[in-house]
């Protein structure tokens, strides 16, 4: 079924997908509703039947990102039998998510740089806060199992975990090579693993 004839929910999902695809190739701040409609093969009028403003589209995109990313890392963690294994699985799951959707980090960074407290920006901040909470929980559990150094500052380690991924993402964006993410990730994880200590 073409985007022209999709039910409302599927049309909204197709719109989000179109924005994520465009963001992989263009500066997110330059993406217009005209581009989005063209990407979907619909008119701007059809687009605005489901989203009253471009801001509403961005809100839908940020909601999609938050739901998908957190679901991906949660699923990865749940499949593991130890906190350390869960942390590594979460790291890999996040890297895989970005590699599959390279437009996402460009949009997140773009939203965080916008002036004022826009709803999409607040949604990104909430995503990072919730993600950090999940990481701290795993790190604290790791302390109790001896996999993580009991003296570790879990809050700082959670920030470093996310920062390490953001650094990998920035390097891949600068190089224009998304494949670098997966290639460089194991080495970065190994350094992080040594840094949080605990039993070898």
Protein backbone atom coordinates (compact mmCIF):
# COMPACT_ATOMS: atom_id res chain seq x y z
CA UNK A 1 0.00 0.00 0.00
CA UNK A 2 1.42 3.41 -0.96
CA UNK A 3 1.76 6.28 1.51
CA UNK A 4 -1.13 7.98 -0.32
CA UNK A 5 -3.60 5.33 0.85
CA UNK A 6 -2.40 4.43 4.35
CA UNK A 7 -4.67 4.45 7.44
CA UNK A 8 -4.03 7.37 9.83
CA UNK A 9 -1.76 5.49 12.27
CA UNK A 10 0.31 4.04 9.47
CA UNK A 11 0.52 7.44 7.76
CA UNK A 12 1.91 8.96 10.97
CA UNK A 13 4.43 6.12 11.27
CA UNK A 14 5.42 6.55 7.62
CA UNK A 15 5.94 10.26 8.25
CA UNK A 16 8.30 9.54 11.14
CA UNK A 17 10.20 7.04 9.02
CA UNK A 18 10.52 9.58 6.21
CA UNK A 19 11.97 12.19 8.58
CA UNK A 20 14.50 9.71 10.01
CA UNK A 21 15.55 8.73 6.49
CA UNK A 22 15.93 12.37 5.43
CA UNK A 23 17.95 13.18 8.55
CA UNK A 24 20.48 10.51 7.58
CA UNK A 25 21.28 12.49 4.42
CA UNK A 26 20.55 16.11 5.33
CA UNK A 27 20.97 18.61 8.15
CA UNK A 28 17.82 18.00 10.24
CA UNK A 29 17.25 21.75 10.70
CA UNK A 30 16.95 22.11 6.92
CA UNK A 31 14.28 19.42 6.49
CA UNK A 32 11.01 21.01 5.41
CA UNK A 33 7.48 19.67 5.25
CA UNK A 34 7.82 19.87 1.46
CA UNK A 35 10.76 17.46 1.61
CA UNK A 36 8.89 15.14 3.97
CA UNK A 37 5.81 15.07 1.75
CA UNK A 38 7.97 14.45 -1.33
CA UNK A 39 9.81 11.62 0.44
CA UNK A 40 6.45 10.00 1.21
CA UNK A 41 4.93 10.67 -2.20
CA UNK A 42 2.06 12.75 -0.79
CA UNK A 43 1.03 16.40 -0.80
CA UNK A 44 1.77 18.80 2.05
CA UNK A 45 -1.99 19.01 2.57
CA UNK A 46 -2.14 15.26 3.17
CA UNK A 47 0.73 15.56 5.62
CA UNK A 48 -1.00 18.29 7.62
CA UNK A 49 -4.13 16.19 7.98
CA UNK A 50 -2.19 14.13 10.51
CA UNK A 51 0.25 16.71 11.89
CA UNK A 52 -0.90 20.32 12.38
CA UNK A 53 2.67 21.68 12.43
CA UNK A 54 6.26 20.71 11.73
CA UNK A 55 6.81 20.83 15.51
CA UNK A 56 4.17 18.12 15.89
CA UNK A 57 6.09 15.97 13.41
CA UNK A 58 9.29 16.44 15.41
CA UNK A 59 7.45 15.47 18.59
CA UNK A 60 6.29 12.26 16.92
CA UNK A 61 9.83 11.52 15.76
CA UNK A 62 11.29 12.06 19.24
CA UNK A 63 8.58 9.85 20.75
CA UNK A 64 9.40 7.14 18.21
CA UNK A 65 13.12 7.37 18.96
CA UNK A 66 12.61 7.21 22.73
CA UNK A 67 10.24 4.26 22.56
CA UNK A 68 12.36 2.26 20.10
CA UNK A 69 15.74 2.93 21.70
CA UNK A 70 14.61 2.21 25.27
CA UNK A 71 12.73 -0.90 24.14
CA UNK A 72 15.85 -2.09 22.31
CA UNK A 73 18.18 -1.65 25.30
CA UNK A 74 15.61 -3.10 27.72
CA UNK A 75 15.20 -6.19 25.58
CA UNK A 76 18.96 -6.57 25.32
CA UNK A 77 19.38 -6.31 29.10
CA UNK A 78 16.57 -8.76 29.86
CA UNK A 79 18.24 -11.47 27.80
CA UNK A 80 21.30 -11.45 30.08
CA UNK A 81 22.07 -13.30 33.30
CA UNK A 82 24.38 -10.72 34.89
CA UNK A 83 24.56 -6.93 35.23
CA UNK A 84 27.86 -6.70 33.35
CA UNK A 85 26.54 -8.80 30.47
CA UNK A 86 23.43 -6.60 30.46
CA UNK A 87 25.54 -3.43 30.21
CA UNK A 88 27.51 -4.83 27.29
CA UNK A 89 24.31 -5.94 25.57
CA UNK A 90 22.82 -2.47 26.06
CA UNK A 91 25.96 -0.89 24.61
CA UNK A 92 25.82 -3.13 21.54
CA UNK A 93 22.06 -2.64 21.13
CA UNK A 94 22.47 1.15 21.19
CA UNK A 95 25.28 1.00 18.63
CA UNK A 96 23.19 -1.26 16.38
CA UNK A 97 20.19 1.08 16.68
CA UNK A 98 22.24 4.09 15.59
CA UNK A 99 23.91 2.13 12.77
CA UNK A 100 20.45 1.16 11.49
CA UNK A 101 19.06 4.69 11.89
CA UNK A 102 21.96 7.13 11.29
CA UNK A 103 19.55 10.07 11.05
CA UNK A 104 18.55 9.67 14.70
CA UNK A 105 21.68 11.06 16.41
CA UNK A 106 21.76 13.99 13.98
CA UNK A 107 18.21 14.84 15.04
CA UNK A 108 18.91 14.39 18.75
CA UNK A 109 21.99 16.62 18.63
CA UNK A 110 20.04 19.13 16.57
CA UNK A 111 17.18 19.28 19.06
CA UNK A 112 19.52 19.76 22.02
CA UNK A 113 21.12 22.75 20.27
CA UNK A 114 17.81 24.52 19.63
CA UNK A 115 17.05 27.68 21.59
CA UNK A 116 14.36 27.54 24.27
CA UNK A 117 12.53 24.67 25.92
CA UNK A 118 10.73 23.10 22.99
CA UNK A 119 8.73 19.92 23.59
CA UNK A 120 10.97 17.82 21.30
CA UNK A 121 14.02 19.08 23.23
CA UNK A 122 12.37 18.17 26.54
CA UNK A 123 11.59 14.73 25.14
CA UNK A 124 15.27 14.19 24.28
CA UNK A 125 16.28 15.28 27.78
CA UNK A 126 13.73 12.87 29.30
CA UNK A 127 15.05 10.05 27.11
CA UNK A 128 18.61 10.63 28.31
CA UNK A 129 17.48 10.85 31.94
CA UNK A 130 15.52 7.59 31.73
CA UNK A 131 18.35 5.84 29.93
CA UNK A 132 20.84 7.03 32.55
CA UNK A 133 18.58 5.63 35.28
CA UNK A 134 18.56 2.20 33.65
CA UNK A 135 22.35 2.23 33.42
CA UNK A 136 22.79 3.26 37.06
CA UNK A 137 20.54 0.42 38.13
CA UNK A 138 22.66 -2.13 36.24
CA UNK A 139 25.87 -0.61 37.62
CA UNK A 140 24.59 -0.76 41.20
CA UNK A 141 23.58 -4.38 40.69
CA UNK A 142 27.04 -5.00 39.28
CA UNK A 143 28.53 -3.69 42.52
CA UNK A 144 26.46 -6.16 44.54
CA UNK A 145 27.59 -9.11 42.37
CA UNK A 146 31.26 -8.07 42.42
CA UNK A 147 31.35 -7.46 38.67
CA UNK A 148 31.75 -3.72 39.18
CA UNK A 149 34.09 -1.93 41.60
CA UNK A 150 32.09 -1.15 44.77
CA UNK A 151 33.75 2.30 44.91
CA UNK A 152 32.48 3.23 41.44
CA UNK A 153 30.44 6.40 41.08
CA UNK A 154 27.48 4.84 39.22
CA UNK A 155 26.04 8.20 38.17
CA UNK A 156 29.34 9.27 36.58
CA UNK A 157 29.78 5.84 34.98
CA UNK A 158 26.32 6.11 33.41
CA UNK A 159 27.24 9.51 31.95
CA UNK A 160 30.49 8.05 30.58
CA UNK A 161 28.62 5.08 29.05
CA UNK A 162 26.33 7.39 27.07
CA UNK A 163 29.20 9.78 26.33
CA UNK A 164 31.28 6.94 24.89
CA UNK A 165 28.51 6.09 22.45
CA UNK A 166 28.01 9.75 21.59
CA UNK A 167 31.74 10.02 20.90
CA UNK A 168 31.62 7.02 18.57
CA UNK A 169 28.62 8.53 16.80
CA UNK A 170 30.36 11.90 16.36
CA UNK A 171 33.47 10.20 14.96
CA UNK A 172 31.38 8.27 12.45
CA UNK A 173 29.49 11.43 11.42
CA UNK A 174 32.75 13.35 10.95
CA UNK A 175 34.18 10.48 8.88
CA UNK A 176 30.93 10.10 6.95
CA UNK A 177 31.14 6.37 7.62
CA UNK A 178 28.43 4.76 9.75
CA UNK A 179 30.23 1.40 9.53
CA UNK A 180 32.92 2.80 11.84
CA UNK A 181 30.43 2.63 14.69
CA UNK A 182 30.35 -1.15 14.79
CA UNK A 183 34.05 -1.44 13.96
CA UNK A 184 35.21 0.87 16.77
CA UNK A 185 32.65 -0.09 19.42
CA UNK A 186 34.34 -3.26 20.80
CA UNK A 187 37.56 -1.42 21.62
CA UNK A 188 35.69 1.40 23.34
CA UNK A 189 33.61 -1.09 25.33
CA UNK A 190 36.82 -2.90 26.45
CA UNK A 191 38.25 0.35 27.83
CA UNK A 192 34.96 1.19 29.57
CA UNK A 193 34.81 -2.32 31.03
CA UNK A 194 38.28 -1.96 32.53
CA UNK A 195 37.35 1.45 33.88
CA UNK A 196 34.38 0.24 35.93
CA UNK A 197 36.55 -2.44 37.54
CA UNK A 198 35.32 -5.38 39.55
CA UNK A 199 36.17 -9.03 39.02
CA UNK A 200 37.90 -9.84 35.71
